[in-house]
Amino acid sequence: MAALPYMQLYVADYLADTMHLNAEEHGAYLLLLMNYWQTGKPLKDDDMRLQCVCKANADQWQRIRPTLEEFFTIEDGVWKHNRIEKDLE
């Protein structure tokens, strides 16, 4: 579990980075961020698991995954998010 029971959301930064997202993508991205924060570790690069975290079906996930990938570094089988990693430190 993460060190804090809450996750800081820098609204201006979030909106500056995500204004091109539609509602479905916003929801999925926020769910990924919250799961990352709650577990305190990067997300496994597992389509089935990520789609479940996002509450998406397989078609939705395949459609939104490329957009969501822009916010993460995907390597060594995990999705890392720089801001969350910094905040978890």
C-alpha atoms as a PDB file:
ATOM      1  CA  MET A   1       0.000   0.000   0.000  1.00  0.00           C
ATOM      2  CA  ALA A   2       1.144   3.586  -0.628  1.00  0.00           C
ATOM      3  CA  ALA A   3       2.601   5.618   2.211  1.00  0.00           C
ATOM      4  CA  LEU A   4      -0.329   8.030   2.321  1.00  0.00           C
ATOM      5  CA  PRO A   5      -4.060   7.251   2.363  1.00  0.00           C
ATOM      6  CA  TYR A   6      -4.628   9.982  -0.211  1.00  0.00           C
ATOM      7  CA  MET A   7      -3.164  10.899  -3.584  1.00  0.00           C
ATOM      8  CA  GLN A   8      -2.400  14.489  -4.417  1.00  0.00           C
ATOM      9  CA  LEU A   9      -4.011  15.648  -7.639  1.00  0.00           C
ATOM     10  CA  TYR A  10      -2.406  18.702  -9.168  1.00  0.00           C
ATOM     11  CA  VAL A  11      -5.434  19.878 -11.112  1.00  0.00           C
ATOM     12  CA  ALA A  12      -3.663  22.438 -13.308  1.00  0.00           C
ATOM     13  CA  ASP A  13      -0.951  19.933 -14.257  1.00  0.00           C
ATOM     14  CA  TYR A  14      -3.477  17.172 -14.856  1.00  0.00           C
ATOM     15  CA  LEU A  15      -5.637  19.329 -17.120  1.00  0.00           C
ATOM     16  CA  ALA A  16      -2.636  20.721 -18.993  1.00  0.00           C
ATOM     17  CA  ASP A  17      -1.538  17.185 -19.838  1.00  0.00           C
ATOM     18  CA  THR A  18      -4.953  15.654 -20.551  1.00  0.00           C
ATOM     19  CA  MET A  19      -7.155  18.201 -22.322  1.00  0.00           C
ATOM     20  CA  HIS A  20      -7.076  16.037 -25.456  1.00  0.00           C
ATOM     21  CA  LEU A  21      -8.670  13.048 -23.684  1.00  0.00           C
ATOM     22  CA  ASN A  22     -12.332  12.166 -24.013  1.00  0.00           C
ATOM     23  CA  ALA A  23     -14.425  11.190 -20.993  1.00  0.00           C
ATOM     24  CA  GLU A  24     -13.739   7.456 -21.378  1.00  0.00           C
ATOM     25  CA  GLU A  25      -9.986   8.067 -21.520  1.00  0.00           C
ATOM     26  CA  HIS A  26     -10.070  10.404 -18.503  1.00  0.00           C
ATOM     27  CA  GLY A  27     -11.899   7.795 -16.456  1.00  0.00           C
ATOM     28  CA  ALA A  28      -9.527   5.015 -17.465  1.00  0.00           C
ATOM     29  CA  TYR A  29      -6.438   7.144 -16.827  1.00  0.00           C
ATOM     30  CA  LEU A  30      -7.623   8.189 -13.367  1.00  0.00           C
ATOM     31  CA  LEU A  31      -8.440   4.574 -12.460  1.00  0.00           C
ATOM     32  CA  LEU A  32      -4.945   3.512 -13.546  1.00  0.00           C
ATOM     33  CA  LEU A  33      -3.386   6.307 -11.475  1.00  0.00           C
ATOM     34  CA  MET A  34      -5.448   5.404  -8.411  1.00  0.00           C
ATOM     35  CA  ASN A  35      -4.584   1.707  -8.698  1.00  0.00           C
ATOM     36  CA  TYR A  36      -0.901   2.576  -9.069  1.00  0.00           C
ATOM     37  CA  TRP A  37      -1.088   4.805  -5.989  1.00  0.00           C
ATOM     38  CA  GLN A  38      -3.025   2.295  -3.924  1.00  0.00           C
ATOM     39  CA  THR A  39      -0.585  -0.538  -4.614  1.00  0.00           C
ATOM     40  CA  GLY A  40       2.492   1.678  -4.432  1.00  0.00           C
ATOM     41  CA  LYS A  41       4.080   0.023  -7.432  1.00  0.00           C
ATOM     42  CA  PRO A  42       4.046   0.184 -11.233  1.00  0.00           C
ATOM     43  CA  LEU A  43       1.243  -1.472 -13.173  1.00  0.00           C
ATOM     44  CA  LYS A  44       1.919  -4.867 -14.752  1.00  0.00           C
ATOM     45  CA  ASP A  45       1.836  -4.757 -18.549  1.00  0.00           C
ATOM     46  CA  ASP A  46      -1.020  -7.251 -18.700  1.00  0.00           C
ATOM     47  CA  ASP A  47      -3.868  -6.242 -20.999  1.00  0.00           C
ATOM     48  CA  MET A  48      -6.498  -8.240 -19.130  1.00  0.00           C
ATOM     49  CA  ARG A  49      -5.530  -6.766 -15.765  1.00  0.00           C
ATOM     50  CA  LEU A  50      -5.232  -3.197 -17.082  1.00  0.00           C
ATOM     51  CA  GLN A  51      -8.583  -3.460 -18.843  1.00  0.00           C
ATOM     52  CA  CYS A  52     -10.165  -4.645 -15.583  1.00  0.00           C
ATOM     53  CA  VAL A  53      -8.626  -1.772 -13.632  1.00  0.00           C
ATOM     54  CA  CYS A  54     -10.069   0.625 -16.219  1.00  0.00           C
ATOM     55  CA  LYS A  55     -13.488  -1.079 -16.130  1.00  0.00           C
ATOM     56  CA  ALA A  56     -13.242  -1.484 -19.902  1.00  0.00           C
ATOM     57  CA  ASN A  57     -14.185  -4.341 -22.163  1.00  0.00           C
ATOM     58  CA  ALA A  58     -11.597  -5.769 -24.575  1.00  0.00           C
ATOM     59  CA  ASP A  59     -12.663  -3.546 -27.494  1.00  0.00           C
ATOM     60  CA  GLN A  60     -12.640  -0.396 -25.390  1.00  0.00           C
ATOM     61  CA  TRP A  61      -9.221  -1.253 -23.962  1.00  0.00           C
ATOM     62  CA  GLN A  62      -7.687  -1.836 -27.392  1.00  0.00           C
ATOM     63  CA  ARG A  63      -9.073   1.530 -28.509  1.00  0.00           C
ATOM     64  CA  ILE A  64      -7.858   3.569 -25.501  1.00  0.00           C
ATOM     65  CA  ARG A  65      -4.586   1.796 -24.692  1.00  0.00           C
ATOM     66  CA  PRO A  66      -2.458   3.720 -27.247  1.00  0.00           C
ATOM     67  CA  THR A  67      -3.622   7.040 -25.789  1.00  0.00           C
ATOM     68  CA  LEU A  68      -3.021   5.954 -22.190  1.00  0.00           C
ATOM     69  CA  GLU A  69       0.443   4.638 -23.036  1.00  0.00           C
ATOM     70  CA  GLU A  70       1.521   8.240 -23.688  1.00  0.00           C
ATOM     71  CA  PHE A  71       1.435   8.935 -19.936  1.00  0.00           C
ATOM     72  CA  PHE A  72       3.614   6.008 -18.872  1.00  0.00           C
ATOM     73  CA  THR A  73       7.031   4.533 -19.536  1.00  0.00           C
ATOM     74  CA  ILE A  74       6.514   0.893 -20.432  1.00  0.00           C
ATOM     75  CA  GLU A  75       9.549  -1.293 -19.855  1.00  0.00           C
ATOM     76  CA  ASP A  76      10.526  -4.535 -18.163  1.00  0.00           C
ATOM     77  CA  GLY A  77       6.897  -5.653 -18.125  1.00  0.00           C
ATOM     78  CA  VAL A  78       5.500  -2.681 -16.174  1.00  0.00           C
ATOM     79  CA  TRP A  79       3.919   0.720 -16.732  1.00  0.00           C
ATOM     80  CA  LYS A  80       5.745   3.409 -14.735  1.00  0.00           C
ATOM     81  CA  HIS A  81       4.406   6.902 -14.132  1.00  0.00           C
ATOM     82  CA  ASN A  82       7.052   9.527 -13.347  1.00  0.00           C
ATOM     83  CA  ARG A  83       4.857  11.795 -11.212  1.00  0.00           C
ATOM     84  CA  ILE A  84       3.519   8.979  -9.071  1.00  0.00           C
ATOM     85  CA  GLU A  85       6.991   7.503  -8.623  1.00  0.00           C
ATOM     86  CA  LYS A  86       8.237  10.902  -7.473  1.00  0.00           C
ATOM     87  CA  ASP A  87       5.300  11.345  -5.068  1.00  0.00           C
ATOM     88  CA  LEU A  88       5.728   7.838  -3.645  1.00  0.00           C
ATOM     89  CA  GLU A  89       9.339   8.601  -2.786  1.00  0.00           C
END
